[in-house]
C-alpha atoms as a PDB file:
ATOM      1  CA  MET A   1      57.088  81.901  96.244  1.00  0.00           C
ATOM      2  CA  ASP A   2      58.402  85.044  94.587  1.00  0.00           C
ATOM      3  CA  GLN A   3      60.125  86.100  97.813  1.00  0.00           C
ATOM      4  CA  GLN A   4      61.707  82.671  98.200  1.00  0.00           C
ATOM      5  CA  THR A   5      62.997  82.894  94.644  1.00  0.00           C
ATOM      6  CA  ILE A   6      64.460  86.343  95.280  1.00  0.00           C
ATOM      7  CA  GLU A   7      66.158  85.202  98.484  1.00  0.00           C
ATOM      8  CA  LYS A   8      67.742  82.248  96.662  1.00  0.00           C
ATOM      9  CA  LEU A   9      68.980  84.548  93.891  1.00  0.00           C
ATOM     10  CA  TRP A  10      70.534  86.852  96.507  1.00  0.00           C
ATOM     11  CA  GLN A  11      72.243  83.894  98.162  1.00  0.00           C
ATOM     12  CA  MET A  12      73.709  82.919  94.793  1.00  0.00           C
ATOM     13  CA  ARG A  13      74.817  86.570  94.313  1.00  0.00           C
ATOM     14  CA  LEU A  14      72.691  86.965  91.189  1.00  0.00           C
ATOM     15  CA  GLU A  15      71.852  90.605  91.866  1.00  0.00           C
ATOM     16  CA  GLY A  16      71.141  91.376  88.218  1.00  0.00           C
ATOM     17  CA  MET A  17      68.582  88.598  88.038  1.00  0.00           C
ATOM     18  CA  VAL A  18      66.933  89.869  91.217  1.00  0.00           C
ATOM     19  CA  THR A  19      66.504  93.319  89.696  1.00  0.00           C
ATOM     20  CA  ALA A  20      65.151  91.942  86.408  1.00  0.00           C
ATOM     21  CA  PHE A  21      62.810  89.507  88.180  1.00  0.00           C
ATOM     22  CA  LYS A  22      61.351  92.287  90.347  1.00  0.00           C
ATOM     23  CA  GLU A  23      60.847  94.491  87.301  1.00  0.00           C
ATOM     24  CA  GLN A  24      58.975  91.752  85.481  1.00  0.00           C
ATOM     25  CA  THR A  25      56.657  91.065  88.416  1.00  0.00           C
ATOM     26  CA  GLU A  26      55.830  94.790  88.579  1.00  0.00           C
ATOM     27  CA  GLN A  27      55.107  95.219  84.867  1.00  0.00           C
ATOM     28  CA  PRO A  28      51.752  93.705  83.783  1.00  0.00           C
ATOM     29  CA  ASN A  29      52.587  93.913  80.079  1.00  0.00           C
ATOM     30  CA  MET A  30      55.296  91.272  80.577  1.00  0.00           C
ATOM     31  CA  GLY A  31      52.541  88.648  80.345  1.00  0.00           C
ATOM     32  CA  SER A  32      52.449  89.171  76.597  1.00  0.00           C
ATOM     33  CA  LEU A  33      56.014  87.865  76.268  1.00  0.00           C
ATOM     34  CA  SER A  34      56.912  84.205  76.043  1.00  0.00           C
ATOM     35  CA  PHE A  35      58.774  82.431  78.842  1.00  0.00           C
ATOM     36  CA  GLU A  36      61.891  82.278  76.657  1.00  0.00           C
ATOM     37  CA  GLU A  37      61.799  86.041  76.015  1.00  0.00           C
ATOM     38  CA  ARG A  38      61.327  86.901  79.678  1.00  0.00           C
ATOM     39  CA  PHE A  39      64.060  84.503  80.760  1.00  0.00           C
ATOM     40  CA  ALA A  40      66.428  85.946  78.143  1.00  0.00           C
ATOM     41  CA  MET A  41      65.819  89.426  79.562  1.00  0.00           C
ATOM     42  CA  ILE A  42      66.650  88.213  83.080  1.00  0.00           C
ATOM     43  CA  VAL A  43      69.851  86.518  81.919  1.00  0.00           C
ATOM     44  CA  GLU A  44      70.838  89.618  79.943  1.00  0.00           C
ATOM     45  CA  ARG A  45      70.452  91.797  83.049  1.00  0.00           C
ATOM     46  CA  GLU A  46      72.649  89.485  85.093  1.00  0.00           C
ATOM     47  CA  TRP A  47      75.291  89.376  82.367  1.00  0.00           C
ATOM     48  CA  THR A  48      75.309  93.190  82.109  1.00  0.00           C
ATOM     49  CA  SER A  49      75.513  93.537  85.885  1.00  0.00           C
ATOM     50  CA  ARG A  50      78.526  91.241  86.060  1.00  0.00           C
ATOM     51  CA  GLU A  51      80.262  92.979  83.162  1.00  0.00           C
ATOM     52  CA  ASN A  52      79.769  96.346  84.857  1.00  0.00           C
ATOM     53  CA  ARG A  53      81.258  95.044  88.097  1.00  0.00           C
ATOM     54  CA  ARG A  54      84.243  93.589  86.250  1.00  0.00           C
ATOM     55  CA  LEU A  55      84.803  96.893  84.451  1.00  0.00           C
ATOM     56  CA  ALA A  56      84.579  98.850  87.696  1.00  0.00           C
ATOM     57  CA  LEU A  57      87.223  96.566  89.212  1.00  0.00           C
ATOM     58  CA  ARG A  58      89.517  96.903  86.183  1.00  0.00           C
ATOM     59  CA  LEU A  59      89.258 100.694  86.332  1.00  0.00           C
ATOM     60  CA  LYS A  60      89.937 100.710  90.067  1.00  0.00           C
ATOM     61  CA  ASN A  61      93.004  98.486  89.695  1.00  0.00           C
ATOM     62  CA  ALA A  62      94.299 100.613  86.809  1.00  0.00           C
ATOM     63  CA  ARG A  63      94.858 103.533  89.211  1.00  0.00           C
ATOM     64  CA  PHE A  64      94.236 106.135  86.547  1.00  0.00           C
ATOM     65  CA  ASN A  65      95.064 109.676  87.589  1.00  0.00           C
ATOM     66  CA  GLN A  66      92.094 111.266  85.799  1.00  0.00           C
ATOM     67  CA  GLN A  67      88.749 110.353  84.279  1.00  0.00           C
ATOM     68  CA  ALA A  68      89.965 110.309  80.691  1.00  0.00           C
ATOM     69  CA  THR A  69      87.965 108.875  77.795  1.00  0.00           C
ATOM     70  CA  VAL A  70      88.636 108.774  74.060  1.00  0.00           C
ATOM     71  CA  GLU A  71      85.245 110.430  73.498  1.00  0.00           C
ATOM     72  CA  ASP A  72      86.374 113.506  75.458  1.00  0.00           C
ATOM     73  CA  ILE A  73      89.760 114.050  73.800  1.00  0.00           C
ATOM     74  CA  ASP A  74      90.077 117.675  72.694  1.00  0.00           C
ATOM     75  CA  TYR A  75      90.915 118.138  69.008  1.00  0.00           C
ATOM     76  CA  ARG A  76      90.388 121.898  68.988  1.00  0.00           C
ATOM     77  CA  HIS A  77      93.782 122.657  70.469  1.00  0.00           C
ATOM     78  CA  HIS A  78      96.445 122.913  67.742  1.00  0.00           C
ATOM     79  CA  ARG A  79      98.889 120.229  68.856  1.00  0.00           C
ATOM     80  CA  GLY A  80      99.214 117.976  65.808  1.00  0.00           C
ATOM     81  CA  LEU A  81      96.813 115.310  67.081  1.00  0.00           C
ATOM     82  CA  ASP A  82      95.300 113.315  64.211  1.00  0.00           C
ATOM     83  CA  LYS A  83      91.697 112.368  64.979  1.00  0.00           C
ATOM     84  CA  SER A  84      91.776 109.451  62.535  1.00  0.00           C
ATOM     85  CA  VAL A  85      94.796 107.972  64.329  1.00  0.00           C
ATOM     86  CA  VAL A  86      93.050 108.173  67.689  1.00  0.00           C
ATOM     87  CA  ARG A  87      89.903 106.607  66.239  1.00  0.00           C
ATOM     88  CA  THR A  88      91.956 103.724  64.864  1.00  0.00           C
ATOM     89  CA  LEU A  89      93.699 103.191  68.201  1.00  0.00           C
ATOM     90  CA  ALA A  90      90.349 103.424  70.028  1.00  0.00           C
ATOM     91  CA  ALA A  91      89.340 100.188  68.292  1.00  0.00           C
ATOM     92  CA  CYS A  92      91.995  98.519  70.514  1.00  0.00           C
ATOM     93  CA  GLN A  93      93.432  96.286  67.802  1.00  0.00           C
ATOM     94  CA  TRP A  94      96.879  97.385  69.003  1.00  0.00           C
ATOM     95  CA  VAL A  95      96.160  95.618  72.298  1.00  0.00           C
ATOM     96  CA  LYS A  96      95.135  92.392  70.546  1.00  0.00           C
ATOM     97  CA  LYS A  97      98.296  92.608  68.433  1.00  0.00           C
ATOM     98  CA  THR A  98     100.411  93.355  71.559  1.00  0.00           C
ATOM     99  CA  GLN A  99     101.699  96.591  70.059  1.00  0.00           C
ATOM    100  CA  ASN A 100     102.879  99.656  71.985  1.00  0.00           C
ATOM    101  CA  ILE A 101     102.054 103.358  71.880  1.00  0.00           C
ATOM    102  CA  ILE A 102     104.570 106.178  72.342  1.00  0.00           C
ATOM    103  CA  ILE A 103     103.269 109.692  73.021  1.00  0.00           C
ATOM    104  CA  CYS A 104     105.842 112.491  72.950  1.00  0.00           C
ATOM    105  CA  GLY A 105     105.470 116.237  73.368  1.00  0.00           C
ATOM    106  CA  PRO A 106     106.124 119.206  75.658  1.00  0.00           C
ATOM    107  CA  THR A 107     104.772 119.473  79.166  1.00  0.00           C
ATOM    108  CA  GLY A 108     101.080 120.280  79.502  1.00  0.00           C
ATOM    109  CA  ILE A 109     100.197 119.214  75.956  1.00  0.00           C
ATOM    110  CA  GLY A 110      97.885 116.374  77.077  1.00  0.00           C
ATOM    111  CA  LYS A 111     100.088 113.297  76.741  1.00  0.00           C
ATOM    112  CA  SER A 112      98.916 111.702  79.979  1.00  0.00           C
ATOM    113  CA  TYR A 113      95.248 112.297  79.189  1.00  0.00           C
ATOM    114  CA  ILE A 114      95.511 110.623  75.786  1.00  0.00           C
ATOM    115  CA  ALA A 115      97.466 107.705  77.262  1.00  0.00           C
ATOM    116  CA  GLU A 116      94.906 107.133  80.009  1.00  0.00           C
ATOM    117  CA  ALA A 117      91.995 107.575  77.594  1.00  0.00           C
ATOM    118  CA  LEU A 118      93.355 104.834  75.322  1.00  0.00           C
ATOM    119  CA  ALA A 119      94.065 102.574  78.300  1.00  0.00           C
ATOM    120  CA  GLN A 120      90.575 103.248  79.687  1.00  0.00           C
ATOM    121  CA  LYS A 121      89.082 102.235  76.332  1.00  0.00           C
ATOM    122  CA  ALA A 122      91.094  99.020  76.511  1.00  0.00           C
ATOM    123  CA  CYS A 123      89.583  98.384  79.958  1.00  0.00           C
ATOM    124  CA  ARG A 124      86.117  98.875  78.496  1.00  0.00           C
ATOM    125  CA  GLU A 125      86.998  96.267  75.878  1.00  0.00           C
ATOM    126  CA  GLY A 126      87.930  93.749  78.564  1.00  0.00           C
ATOM    127  CA  SER A 127      91.670  94.317  79.059  1.00  0.00           C
ATOM    128  CA  THR A 128      93.472  95.025  82.310  1.00  0.00           C
ATOM    129  CA  ALA A 129      95.552  98.179  82.713  1.00  0.00           C
ATOM    130  CA  TYR A 130      97.838  99.884  85.203  1.00  0.00           C
ATOM    131  CA  ARG A 131      99.131 103.445  85.127  1.00  0.00           C
ATOM    132  CA  THR A 132     102.280 104.588  86.898  1.00  0.00           C
ATOM    133  CA  LYS A 133     104.837 107.356  86.703  1.00  0.00           C
ATOM    134  CA  VAL A 134     108.277 106.059  85.827  1.00  0.00           C
ATOM    135  CA  SER A 135     109.661 107.378  89.135  1.00  0.00           C
ATOM    136  CA  ARG A 136     107.049 105.410  91.097  1.00  0.00           C
ATOM    137  CA  LEU A 137     107.696 102.327  88.983  1.00  0.00           C
ATOM    138  CA  PHE A 138     111.364 102.276  89.948  1.00  0.00           C
ATOM    139  CA  ARG A 139     110.565 103.089  93.577  1.00  0.00           C
ATOM    140  CA  GLU A 140     108.151 100.138  93.769  1.00  0.00           C
ATOM    141  CA  LEU A 141     110.786  97.856  92.280  1.00  0.00           C
ATOM    142  CA  GLU A 142     113.423  99.084  94.748  1.00  0.00           C
ATOM    143  CA  ILE A 143     111.092  98.445  97.688  1.00  0.00           C
ATOM    144  CA  ALA A 144     110.185  95.010  96.334  1.00  0.00           C
ATOM    145  CA  ARG A 145     113.850  94.114  95.997  1.00  0.00           C
ATOM    146  CA  GLY A 146     114.338  94.983  99.637  1.00  0.00           C
ATOM    147  CA  ASP A 147     111.375  93.025 101.019  1.00  0.00           C
ATOM    148  CA  GLY A 148     111.809  89.972  98.825  1.00  0.00           C
ATOM    149  CA  SER A 149     108.785  90.504  96.571  1.00  0.00           C
ATOM    150  CA  TYR A 150     110.760  91.595  93.493  1.00  0.00           C
ATOM    151  CA  LEU A 151     109.978  88.559  91.317  1.00  0.00           C
ATOM    152  CA  LYS A 152     106.334  88.657  92.363  1.00  0.00           C
ATOM    153  CA  LEU A 153     106.101  92.316  91.329  1.00  0.00           C
ATOM    154  CA  LEU A 154     107.765  91.613  87.982  1.00  0.00           C
ATOM    155  CA  SER A 155     105.259  88.833  87.412  1.00  0.00           C
ATOM    156  CA  ARG A 156     102.431  91.246  88.194  1.00  0.00           C
ATOM    157  CA  TYR A 157     103.694  93.771  85.642  1.00  0.00           C
ATOM    158  CA  ALA A 158     104.066  90.997  83.078  1.00  0.00           C
ATOM    159  CA  ARG A 159     100.385  90.017  83.401  1.00  0.00           C
ATOM    160  CA  ILE A 160      98.950  93.510  82.845  1.00  0.00           C
ATOM    161  CA  ASP A 161      97.485  93.848  79.350  1.00  0.00           C
ATOM    162  CA  VAL A 162      98.198  97.592  79.060  1.00  0.00           C
ATOM    163  CA  LEU A 163     100.939  99.145  81.190  1.00  0.00           C
ATOM    164  CA  VAL A 164     100.970 102.960  81.075  1.00  0.00           C
ATOM    165  CA  ILE A 165     104.348 104.477  81.992  1.00  0.00           C
ATOM    166  CA  ASP A 166     104.092 108.239  82.400  1.00  0.00           C
ATOM    167  CA  ASP A 167     106.869 110.865  82.322  1.00  0.00           C
ATOM    168  CA  TRP A 168     109.520 108.600  80.829  1.00  0.00           C
ATOM    169  CA  GLY A 169     113.000 110.127  80.629  1.00  0.00           C
ATOM    170  CA  MET A 170     112.725 112.744  83.365  1.00  0.00           C
ATOM    171  CA  SER A 171     116.256 111.749  84.406  1.00  0.00           C
ATOM    172  CA  GLN A 172     118.937 109.441  83.074  1.00  0.00           C
ATOM    173  CA  LEU A 173     118.607 105.864  84.271  1.00  0.00           C
ATOM    174  CA  ASN A 174     121.123 104.404  86.685  1.00  0.00           C
ATOM    175  CA  ASP A 175     122.474 100.878  86.330  1.00  0.00           C
ATOM    176  CA  MET A 176     119.773  99.235  88.473  1.00  0.00           C
ATOM    177  CA  GLU A 177     116.947 101.114  86.739  1.00  0.00           C
ATOM    178  CA  ARG A 178     118.254 100.042  83.337  1.00  0.00           C
ATOM    179  CA  LYS A 179     118.261  96.400  84.406  1.00  0.00           C
ATOM    180  CA  ASP A 180     114.798  96.684  85.949  1.00  0.00           C
ATOM    181  CA  PHE A 181     113.309  98.314  82.876  1.00  0.00           C
ATOM    182  CA  LEU A 182     114.873  95.740  80.581  1.00  0.00           C
ATOM    183  CA  GLU A 183     113.356  92.974  82.722  1.00  0.00           C
ATOM    184  CA  ILE A 184     109.899  94.526  82.402  1.00  0.00           C
ATOM    185  CA  MET A 185     110.135  95.119  78.663  1.00  0.00           C
ATOM    186  CA  GLU A 186     111.562  91.643  78.075  1.00  0.00           C
ATOM    187  CA  ASP A 187     108.610  90.065  79.879  1.00  0.00           C
ATOM    188  CA  ARG A 188     106.105  92.157  77.925  1.00  0.00           C
ATOM    189  CA  TYR A 189     107.669  91.941  74.470  1.00  0.00           C
ATOM    190  CA  ASN A 190     105.213  90.423  71.972  1.00  0.00           C
ATOM    191  CA  THR A 191     102.892  89.366  74.815  1.00  0.00           C
ATOM    192  CA  LYS A 192     101.450  92.600  76.256  1.00  0.00           C
ATOM    193  CA  SER A 193     101.108  96.271  75.299  1.00  0.00           C
ATOM    194  CA  THR A 194     102.791  99.323  76.824  1.00  0.00           C
ATOM    195  CA  ILE A 195     102.001 103.033  76.534  1.00  0.00           C
ATOM    196  CA  ILE A 196     104.867 105.425  77.268  1.00  0.00           C
ATOM    197  CA  THR A 197     104.628 109.210  77.511  1.00  0.00           C
ATOM    198  CA  SER A 198     107.703 111.419  77.389  1.00  0.00           C
ATOM    199  CA  GLN A 199     108.731 115.025  76.943  1.00  0.00           C
ATOM    200  CA  TYR A 200     111.698 113.804  74.933  1.00  0.00           C
ATOM    201  CA  PRO A 201     111.626 112.512  71.338  1.00  0.00           C
ATOM    202  CA  VAL A 202     112.482 108.869  70.816  1.00  0.00           C
ATOM    203  CA  ALA A 203     115.776 109.893  69.208  1.00  0.00           C
ATOM    204  CA  LYS A 204     117.024 111.030  72.632  1.00  0.00           C
ATOM    205  CA  TRP A 205     115.939 107.935  74.559  1.00  0.00           C
ATOM    206  CA  HIS A 206     119.160 106.062  73.835  1.00  0.00           C
ATOM    207  CA  ASP A 207     121.178 108.695  75.696  1.00  0.00           C
ATOM    208  CA  LEU A 208     118.632 108.832  78.533  1.00  0.00           C
ATOM    209  CA  ILE A 209     118.964 105.097  79.105  1.00  0.00           C
ATOM    210  CA  GLY A 210     122.736 105.341  79.127  1.00  0.00           C
ATOM    211  CA  GLU A 211     124.616 102.077  78.602  1.00  0.00           C
ATOM    212  CA  PRO A 212     124.503 101.471  74.804  1.00  0.00           C
ATOM    213  CA  THR A 213     123.982  97.701  74.824  1.00  0.00           C
ATOM    214  CA  VAL A 214     121.150  97.810  77.340  1.00  0.00           C
ATOM    215  CA  ALA A 215     119.655 100.844  75.572  1.00  0.00           C
ATOM    216  CA  ASP A 216     119.593  98.937  72.288  1.00  0.00           C
ATOM    217  CA  ALA A 217     117.885  95.974  73.962  1.00  0.00           C
ATOM    218  CA  ILE A 218     115.243  98.129  75.666  1.00  0.00           C
ATOM    219  CA  LEU A 219     114.417 100.245  72.635  1.00  0.00           C
ATOM    220  CA  ASP A 220     114.277  97.193  70.383  1.00  0.00           C
ATOM    221  CA  ARG A 221     111.450  95.881  72.565  1.00  0.00           C
ATOM    222  CA  ILE A 222     109.537  99.165  72.647  1.00  0.00           C
ATOM    223  CA  VAL A 223     109.962 101.237  69.511  1.00  0.00           C
ATOM    224  CA  HIS A 224     109.778  98.918  66.516  1.00  0.00           C
ATOM    225  CA  ASN A 225     106.202  97.757  67.095  1.00  0.00           C
ATOM    226  CA  ALA A 226     104.918 101.053  68.499  1.00  0.00           C
ATOM    227  CA  HIS A 227     102.374 103.555  67.220  1.00  0.00           C
ATOM    228  CA  LYS A 228     103.816 107.053  67.671  1.00  0.00           C
ATOM    229  CA  ILE A 229     101.849 110.188  68.545  1.00  0.00           C
ATOM    230  CA  ILE A 230     104.002 113.317  68.377  1.00  0.00           C
ATOM    231  CA  LEU A 231     102.409 116.407  69.911  1.00  0.00           C
ATOM    232  CA  LYS A 232     103.553 120.005  69.713  1.00  0.00           C
ATOM    233  CA  GLY A 233     102.414 123.476  70.679  1.00  0.00           C
ATOM    234  CA  ASP A 234     101.746 125.432  73.851  1.00  0.00           C
ATOM    235  CA  SER A 235     100.665 123.943  77.137  1.00  0.00           C
ATOM    236  CA  MET A 236      96.928 123.226  77.253  1.00  0.00           C
ATOM    237  CA  ARG A 237      96.951 123.871  80.999  1.00  0.00           C
ATOM    238  CA  LYS A 238      98.391 127.318  80.387  1.00  0.00           C
ATOM    239  CA  ASN A 239      95.849 128.146  77.677  1.00  0.00           C
ATOM    240  CA  ARG A 240      92.933 126.949  79.804  1.00  0.00           C
ATOM    241  CA  SER A 241      93.993 128.901  82.853  1.00  0.00           C
ATOM    242  CA  ASN A 242      91.514 131.515  84.039  1.00  0.00           C
ATOM    243  CA  LEU A 243      94.050 133.392  86.122  1.00  0.00           C
ATOM    244  CA  THR A 244      94.226 137.143  85.660  1.00  0.00           C
ATOM    245  CA  HIS A 245      97.535 138.915  85.214  1.00  0.00           C
ATOM    246  CA  GLY A 246      97.480 139.947  88.861  1.00  0.00           C
ATOM    247  CA  ASP A 247      96.691 136.404  90.029  1.00  0.00           C
ATOM    248  CA  GLN A 248      99.697 134.975  88.212  1.00  0.00           C
ATOM    249  CA  GLY A 249     102.027 136.904  90.430  1.00  0.00           C
ATOM    250  CA  LYS A 250     100.727 135.298  93.602  1.00  0.00           C
END
């Protein structure tokens, strides 16, 4: 009878229940628990199993570039990172309030890691996320425009709870990129959250966008409801390098 029960659970894809049921049949002390307690333990295992699978899928779809977590953020490096600010953001209320995060600072200072760590925490809290470099974002939109999937791709970006756009402002936007970015920000304004990393301070973004009217519209949808993390100092990659003086010349 036990084997029949297990086979039926497998057929219903209740893998967590299978594991919990097997554990209970192998542990003699389970007889001291009531039926309700044992059943609650089985249901809890199935619920946890499903939540873990959902999280794994969210993390896979996010396409993070590194295994970043808020717990592993380095505060020892002198870069102006406020631990209390990160702790507040780690609670993910900014996602529920559909607010944005802007992280600015020089290259190698850890902007991308912090952005992905905050987005990863949002995934752990049940939100969807997607990370992309701004150059890839525009390339995907250009390809979609050519193959007829442009509106479908815009709709996909609009549904993502946390969109991470890395390396913003590496070059001035052209006319098509300005229109594309405005479309994305318009769809996400007050409905979803966006994290943007950039080597340039927000004060220079207007010039990087170019056309004043479009720049005003884009920045109005990003900046005014955004938490800002401004980093400074030397490159963390440079400081962590183990290269000798002779190696650096190779």
